[in-house]
């Protein structure tokens, strides 16, 4: 079951003209109509705030407790026609970034609602596999190394 919250809304003055039962019925009818839109707006705003906090956190230590001077508004999440294209593009992007930046990009994408949790976990696993694979490649000549190698057999560079 989803968690919920209540929001106080001031009723228009003319609502006082209705009798109690009619007033209750009107409030329920309006509530039923606007609840989905308010839920969507709430989710969008929470994502924006989380994205801002993640951005602020990456600007420097202690930034989460400070009010950031200027935050870049994240893109408003629009429905995606092809989630596979988004996943593929994000996978290509994160694999081109250093590991720390790639994780930050993944977290930000999740917070902004661009990807769901299962896609986040899948791409995180891809990133981990890529990081493990990188350790088997010589940093100098780029050739594949044996897992137990201490030095590159091609160029002699020490493997870390």
Protein backbone atom coordinates (compact mmCIF):
# COMPACT_ATOMS: atom_id res chain seq x y z
CA UNK A 1 0.00 0.00 0.00
CA UNK A 2 1.31 3.42 -0.93
CA UNK A 3 1.98 6.01 1.72
CA UNK A 4 -0.22 9.09 1.57
CA UNK A 5 -0.32 12.61 2.91
CA UNK A 6 -3.01 15.27 3.35
CA UNK A 7 -2.82 18.80 2.01
CA UNK A 8 -4.89 21.60 3.52
CA UNK A 9 -6.77 23.54 0.88
CA UNK A 10 -8.84 26.61 1.57
CA UNK A 11 -12.35 26.12 0.27
CA UNK A 12 -13.97 28.88 -1.77
CA UNK A 13 -16.28 31.12 0.22
CA UNK A 14 -19.37 30.05 -1.74
CA UNK A 15 -18.97 26.48 -0.39
CA UNK A 16 -20.44 27.81 2.87
CA UNK A 17 -23.75 28.26 1.04
CA UNK A 18 -24.08 24.49 0.58
CA UNK A 19 -25.62 22.31 3.23
CA UNK A 20 -23.27 19.88 4.99
CA UNK A 21 -24.16 16.76 2.97
CA UNK A 22 -23.93 18.58 -0.38
CA UNK A 23 -20.62 20.13 0.70
CA UNK A 24 -19.19 16.67 1.57
CA UNK A 25 -20.37 15.26 -1.75
CA UNK A 26 -18.85 18.19 -3.70
CA UNK A 27 -15.50 17.86 -1.88
CA UNK A 28 -15.37 14.13 -2.61
CA UNK A 29 -16.22 14.62 -6.29
CA UNK A 30 -13.59 17.33 -6.77
CA UNK A 31 -11.05 15.34 -4.78
CA UNK A 32 -11.60 12.27 -6.95
CA UNK A 33 -11.04 14.37 -10.08
CA UNK A 34 -7.88 16.17 -8.98
CA UNK A 35 -6.17 13.43 -6.92
CA UNK A 36 -4.32 11.81 -9.89
CA UNK A 37 -3.05 15.17 -11.17
CA UNK A 38 -1.90 16.24 -7.70
CA UNK A 39 -0.13 12.88 -7.21
CA UNK A 40 1.71 13.31 -10.52
CA UNK A 41 2.67 16.90 -9.68
CA UNK A 42 3.87 15.79 -6.24
CA UNK A 43 6.04 13.02 -7.73
CA UNK A 44 7.53 15.45 -10.27
CA UNK A 45 8.37 18.01 -7.59
CA UNK A 46 9.93 15.36 -5.32
CA UNK A 47 12.11 14.20 -8.23
CA UNK A 48 13.19 17.77 -8.94
CA UNK A 49 14.08 18.38 -5.29
CA UNK A 50 16.02 15.10 -5.08
CA UNK A 51 17.87 15.94 -8.28
CA UNK A 52 18.72 19.40 -6.90
CA UNK A 53 20.02 17.86 -3.69
CA UNK A 54 22.11 15.33 -5.60
CA UNK A 55 23.53 18.15 -7.73
CA UNK A 56 24.18 20.24 -4.60
CA UNK A 57 25.82 17.28 -2.87
CA UNK A 58 28.23 16.85 -5.76
CA UNK A 59 29.16 20.54 -5.71
CA UNK A 60 31.03 20.09 -2.45
CA UNK A 61 31.00 18.72 1.09
CA UNK A 62 28.28 19.97 3.38
CA UNK A 63 26.17 21.33 0.54
CA UNK A 64 23.08 19.34 1.48
CA UNK A 65 22.68 21.35 4.66
CA UNK A 66 23.35 24.66 2.92
CA UNK A 67 20.95 26.34 0.59
CA UNK A 68 22.66 26.16 -2.79
CA UNK A 69 23.30 29.56 -4.32
CA UNK A 70 22.06 28.58 -7.74
CA UNK A 71 20.61 25.25 -8.73
CA UNK A 72 20.13 24.16 -12.28
CA UNK A 73 16.54 23.08 -12.85
CA UNK A 74 16.51 19.46 -14.01
CA UNK A 75 14.57 18.64 -17.14
CA UNK A 76 10.88 17.95 -16.59
CA UNK A 77 10.38 14.25 -17.17
CA UNK A 78 8.30 13.60 -20.24
CA UNK A 79 6.77 10.25 -21.14
CA UNK A 80 9.22 8.21 -23.19
CA UNK A 81 8.08 6.55 -26.40
CA UNK A 82 10.88 3.99 -26.35
CA UNK A 83 12.43 3.25 -22.94
CA UNK A 84 14.91 0.85 -24.59
CA UNK A 85 16.43 3.75 -26.55
CA UNK A 86 16.81 5.75 -23.31
CA UNK A 87 18.42 2.76 -21.58
CA UNK A 88 20.81 2.18 -24.50
CA UNK A 89 21.82 5.85 -24.69
CA UNK A 90 22.35 6.04 -20.93
CA UNK A 91 24.37 2.79 -20.97
CA UNK A 92 26.65 4.20 -23.68
CA UNK A 93 27.03 7.45 -21.77
CA UNK A 94 27.87 5.90 -18.40
CA UNK A 95 30.36 3.46 -19.94
CA UNK A 96 32.24 6.43 -21.37
CA UNK A 97 32.50 8.15 -17.96
CA UNK A 98 34.83 7.44 -15.05
CA UNK A 99 33.22 5.05 -12.57
CA UNK A 100 32.40 7.67 -9.90
CA UNK A 101 30.80 10.06 -12.40
CA UNK A 102 28.90 7.18 -14.00
CA UNK A 103 27.33 6.22 -10.65
CA UNK A 104 26.39 9.88 -10.06
CA UNK A 105 24.77 10.05 -13.51
CA UNK A 106 22.81 6.85 -12.77
CA UNK A 107 21.60 8.14 -9.41
CA UNK A 108 20.56 11.44 -10.94
CA UNK A 109 18.68 9.69 -13.75
CA UNK A 110 16.82 7.60 -11.18
CA UNK A 111 16.00 10.64 -9.04
CA UNK A 112 14.73 12.55 -12.07
CA UNK A 113 12.52 9.63 -13.06
CA UNK A 114 14.27 9.07 -16.38
CA UNK A 115 14.82 5.42 -15.44
CA UNK A 116 13.09 3.06 -13.04
CA UNK A 117 14.73 1.06 -10.25
CA UNK A 118 15.12 -2.14 -12.29
CA UNK A 119 16.88 -0.22 -15.09
CA UNK A 120 19.07 1.48 -12.46
CA UNK A 121 20.11 -1.92 -11.04
CA UNK A 122 20.70 -3.34 -14.52
CA UNK A 123 22.91 -0.42 -15.57
CA UNK A 124 24.69 -0.44 -12.21
CA UNK A 125 25.52 -4.12 -12.82
CA UNK A 126 26.76 -3.26 -16.31
CA UNK A 127 28.96 -0.57 -14.79
CA UNK A 128 30.36 -3.03 -12.22
CA UNK A 129 31.10 -5.57 -14.95
CA UNK A 130 32.81 -2.88 -17.01
CA UNK A 131 34.94 -1.82 -14.02
CA UNK A 132 35.97 -5.45 -13.43
CA UNK A 133 36.82 -5.83 -17.12
CA UNK A 134 38.92 -2.65 -17.10
CA UNK A 135 41.27 -4.16 -14.55
CA UNK A 136 42.08 -6.91 -17.07
CA UNK A 137 43.26 -4.41 -19.70
CA UNK A 138 46.69 -2.83 -19.75
CA UNK A 139 46.39 0.87 -19.04
CA UNK A 140 49.33 1.66 -21.34
CA UNK A 141 48.89 -0.50 -24.46
CA UNK A 142 45.21 -1.52 -24.08
CA UNK A 143 45.78 -5.24 -24.56
CA UNK A 144 43.92 -7.92 -22.63
CA UNK A 145 45.76 -9.37 -19.65
CA UNK A 146 45.50 -12.59 -17.72
CA UNK A 147 43.59 -12.16 -14.41
CA UNK A 148 46.68 -13.11 -12.40
CA UNK A 149 49.15 -10.93 -14.36
CA UNK A 150 51.48 -8.66 -12.40
CA UNK A 151 53.00 -7.09 -15.54
CA UNK A 152 51.72 -6.65 -19.09
CA UNK A 153 53.33 -9.36 -21.24
CA UNK A 154 53.17 -7.03 -24.26
CA UNK A 155 54.69 -3.78 -23.00
CA UNK A 156 55.98 -4.64 -19.51
CA UNK A 157 53.81 -2.11 -17.63
CA UNK A 158 53.10 -3.04 -14.03
CA UNK A 159 49.47 -4.06 -13.49
CA UNK A 160 47.79 -2.47 -10.51
